[in-house]
């Protein structure tokens, strides 16, 4: 799986990039057919402390899955997006298996 990480309105640290890549690569345990993963980390301009956004898009054969989460830290946002995509992947796998 090819993983790309982009940061918008800030420069991501090496630690954050590695954390994100490790977390997203774990999704392959649930479905082997993931072609590409695109991760976009953004800073929202809002005044609230929940201004960190993580978007993860998975390209699969025959479709794609997407998750977007907004929290106080990028790590937490990536974790929540990972959990959402894990559930989506399990549903996708069942759907593909029944066809």
C-alpha atoms as a PDB file:
ATOM      1  CA  UNK A   1       0.000   0.000   0.000  1.00  0.00           C
ATOM      2  CA  UNK A   2       1.251   3.456  -0.922  1.00  0.00           C
ATOM      3  CA  UNK A   3       0.729   6.008   1.893  1.00  0.00           C
ATOM      4  CA  UNK A   4       0.972   9.773   1.363  1.00  0.00           C
ATOM      5  CA  UNK A   5       0.742  12.262   4.216  1.00  0.00           C
ATOM      6  CA  UNK A   6       0.088  15.948   3.543  1.00  0.00           C
ATOM      7  CA  UNK A   7      -0.038  18.743   6.090  1.00  0.00           C
ATOM      8  CA  UNK A   8      -2.050  21.883   5.365  1.00  0.00           C
ATOM      9  CA  UNK A   9      -1.310  25.225   7.101  1.00  0.00           C
ATOM     10  CA  UNK A  10       1.539  23.752   9.177  1.00  0.00           C
ATOM     11  CA  UNK A  11       4.648  21.595   8.893  1.00  0.00           C
ATOM     12  CA  UNK A  12       4.175  18.112  10.314  1.00  0.00           C
ATOM     13  CA  UNK A  13       6.882  16.783  12.606  1.00  0.00           C
ATOM     14  CA  UNK A  14       8.696  13.561  11.764  1.00  0.00           C
ATOM     15  CA  UNK A  15       7.080  11.919  14.805  1.00  0.00           C
ATOM     16  CA  UNK A  16       3.564  12.836  13.631  1.00  0.00           C
ATOM     17  CA  UNK A  17       4.269  11.602  10.100  1.00  0.00           C
ATOM     18  CA  UNK A  18       5.665   8.285  11.353  1.00  0.00           C
ATOM     19  CA  UNK A  19       2.767   7.823  13.778  1.00  0.00           C
ATOM     20  CA  UNK A  20       0.252   8.450  10.990  1.00  0.00           C
ATOM     21  CA  UNK A  21       1.962   6.089   8.540  1.00  0.00           C
ATOM     22  CA  UNK A  22       2.212   3.308  11.150  1.00  0.00           C
ATOM     23  CA  UNK A  23      -1.448   3.668  12.115  1.00  0.00           C
ATOM     24  CA  UNK A  24      -2.710   3.700   8.522  1.00  0.00           C
ATOM     25  CA  UNK A  25      -0.503   0.747   7.525  1.00  0.00           C
ATOM     26  CA  UNK A  26      -2.281  -1.355  10.186  1.00  0.00           C
ATOM     27  CA  UNK A  27      -5.441  -1.162   8.064  1.00  0.00           C
ATOM     28  CA  UNK A  28      -3.894  -3.758   5.730  1.00  0.00           C
ATOM     29  CA  UNK A  29      -4.510  -6.369   8.446  1.00  0.00           C
ATOM     30  CA  UNK A  30      -8.245  -6.007   7.794  1.00  0.00           C
ATOM     31  CA  UNK A  31      -8.195  -5.918   3.979  1.00  0.00           C
ATOM     32  CA  UNK A  32      -5.259  -6.812   1.722  1.00  0.00           C
ATOM     33  CA  UNK A  33      -6.565  -5.054  -1.371  1.00  0.00           C
ATOM     34  CA  UNK A  34      -5.864  -1.457  -0.329  1.00  0.00           C
ATOM     35  CA  UNK A  35      -4.116   0.229  -3.249  1.00  0.00           C
ATOM     36  CA  UNK A  36      -3.375   3.663  -1.801  1.00  0.00           C
ATOM     37  CA  UNK A  37      -3.968   5.695   1.357  1.00  0.00           C
ATOM     38  CA  UNK A  38      -4.049   9.494   1.313  1.00  0.00           C
ATOM     39  CA  UNK A  39      -3.850  11.291   4.660  1.00  0.00           C
ATOM     40  CA  UNK A  40      -4.442  15.034   4.971  1.00  0.00           C
ATOM     41  CA  UNK A  41      -3.733  16.745   8.278  1.00  0.00           C
ATOM     42  CA  UNK A  42      -5.187  20.268   8.568  1.00  0.00           C
ATOM     43  CA  UNK A  43      -5.358  23.094  11.056  1.00  0.00           C
ATOM     44  CA  UNK A  44      -8.795  24.703  11.244  1.00  0.00           C
ATOM     45  CA  UNK A  45      -8.921  28.461  11.758  1.00  0.00           C
ATOM     46  CA  UNK A  46     -11.604  28.226  14.455  1.00  0.00           C
ATOM     47  CA  UNK A  47     -11.016  29.638  17.931  1.00  0.00           C
ATOM     48  CA  UNK A  48     -11.917  26.367  19.675  1.00  0.00           C
ATOM     49  CA  UNK A  49      -9.292  23.886  20.857  1.00  0.00           C
ATOM     50  CA  UNK A  50     -10.764  21.181  18.567  1.00  0.00           C
ATOM     51  CA  UNK A  51      -9.043  22.598  15.502  1.00  0.00           C
ATOM     52  CA  UNK A  52      -6.978  19.608  14.300  1.00  0.00           C
ATOM     53  CA  UNK A  53      -8.460  17.664  11.370  1.00  0.00           C
ATOM     54  CA  UNK A  54      -7.374  14.304   9.966  1.00  0.00           C
ATOM     55  CA  UNK A  55      -8.813  13.032   6.681  1.00  0.00           C
ATOM     56  CA  UNK A  56      -7.978   9.552   5.430  1.00  0.00           C
ATOM     57  CA  UNK A  57      -8.997   8.311   1.977  1.00  0.00           C
ATOM     58  CA  UNK A  58      -8.434   4.667   1.044  1.00  0.00           C
ATOM     59  CA  UNK A  59      -8.402   3.655  -2.623  1.00  0.00           C
ATOM     60  CA  UNK A  60      -9.692   0.122  -3.097  1.00  0.00           C
ATOM     61  CA  UNK A  61     -10.296  -1.953  -6.205  1.00  0.00           C
ATOM     62  CA  UNK A  62     -13.797  -0.886  -7.233  1.00  0.00           C
ATOM     63  CA  UNK A  63     -14.203   2.032  -4.838  1.00  0.00           C
ATOM     64  CA  UNK A  64     -12.855   4.157  -2.037  1.00  0.00           C
ATOM     65  CA  UNK A  65     -13.483   4.753   1.654  1.00  0.00           C
ATOM     66  CA  UNK A  66     -13.176   8.059   3.500  1.00  0.00           C
ATOM     67  CA  UNK A  67     -13.081   9.272   7.089  1.00  0.00           C
ATOM     68  CA  UNK A  68     -12.707  12.791   8.510  1.00  0.00           C
ATOM     69  CA  UNK A  69     -12.299  13.517  12.223  1.00  0.00           C
ATOM     70  CA  UNK A  70     -11.692  16.744  14.139  1.00  0.00           C
ATOM     71  CA  UNK A  71     -10.264  16.828  17.683  1.00  0.00           C
ATOM     72  CA  UNK A  72      -7.722  18.594  19.919  1.00  0.00           C
ATOM     73  CA  UNK A  73      -4.665  16.618  18.744  1.00  0.00           C
ATOM     74  CA  UNK A  74      -3.671  15.143  15.404  1.00  0.00           C
ATOM     75  CA  UNK A  75      -2.886  11.797  17.025  1.00  0.00           C
ATOM     76  CA  UNK A  76      -6.404  11.540  18.441  1.00  0.00           C
ATOM     77  CA  UNK A  77      -7.934  12.565  15.106  1.00  0.00           C
ATOM     78  CA  UNK A  78      -5.879   9.919  13.275  1.00  0.00           C
ATOM     79  CA  UNK A  79      -6.922   7.292  15.856  1.00  0.00           C
ATOM     80  CA  UNK A  80     -10.627   8.121  15.431  1.00  0.00           C
ATOM     81  CA  UNK A  81     -10.377   8.151  11.631  1.00  0.00           C
ATOM     82  CA  UNK A  82      -8.523   4.814  11.784  1.00  0.00           C
ATOM     83  CA  UNK A  83     -11.310   3.274  13.902  1.00  0.00           C
ATOM     84  CA  UNK A  84     -13.981   4.530  11.507  1.00  0.00           C
ATOM     85  CA  UNK A  85     -12.118   3.155   8.481  1.00  0.00           C
ATOM     86  CA  UNK A  86     -11.529  -0.179  10.205  1.00  0.00           C
ATOM     87  CA  UNK A  87     -15.300  -0.576  10.581  1.00  0.00           C
ATOM     88  CA  UNK A  88     -15.862   0.489   6.978  1.00  0.00           C
ATOM     89  CA  UNK A  89     -13.223  -1.976   5.752  1.00  0.00           C
ATOM     90  CA  UNK A  90     -14.827  -4.868   7.625  1.00  0.00           C
ATOM     91  CA  UNK A  91     -18.193  -4.026   6.031  1.00  0.00           C
ATOM     92  CA  UNK A  92     -16.533  -3.668   2.608  1.00  0.00           C
ATOM     93  CA  UNK A  93     -14.833  -7.054   3.019  1.00  0.00           C
ATOM     94  CA  UNK A  94     -18.168  -8.728   3.888  1.00  0.00           C
ATOM     95  CA  UNK A  95     -19.834  -7.057   0.911  1.00  0.00           C
ATOM     96  CA  UNK A  96     -17.090  -8.219  -1.465  1.00  0.00           C
ATOM     97  CA  UNK A  97     -17.122 -11.725  -0.001  1.00  0.00           C
ATOM     98  CA  UNK A  98     -20.871 -12.161  -0.565  1.00  0.00           C
ATOM     99  CA  UNK A  99     -20.627 -11.256  -4.265  1.00  0.00           C
END
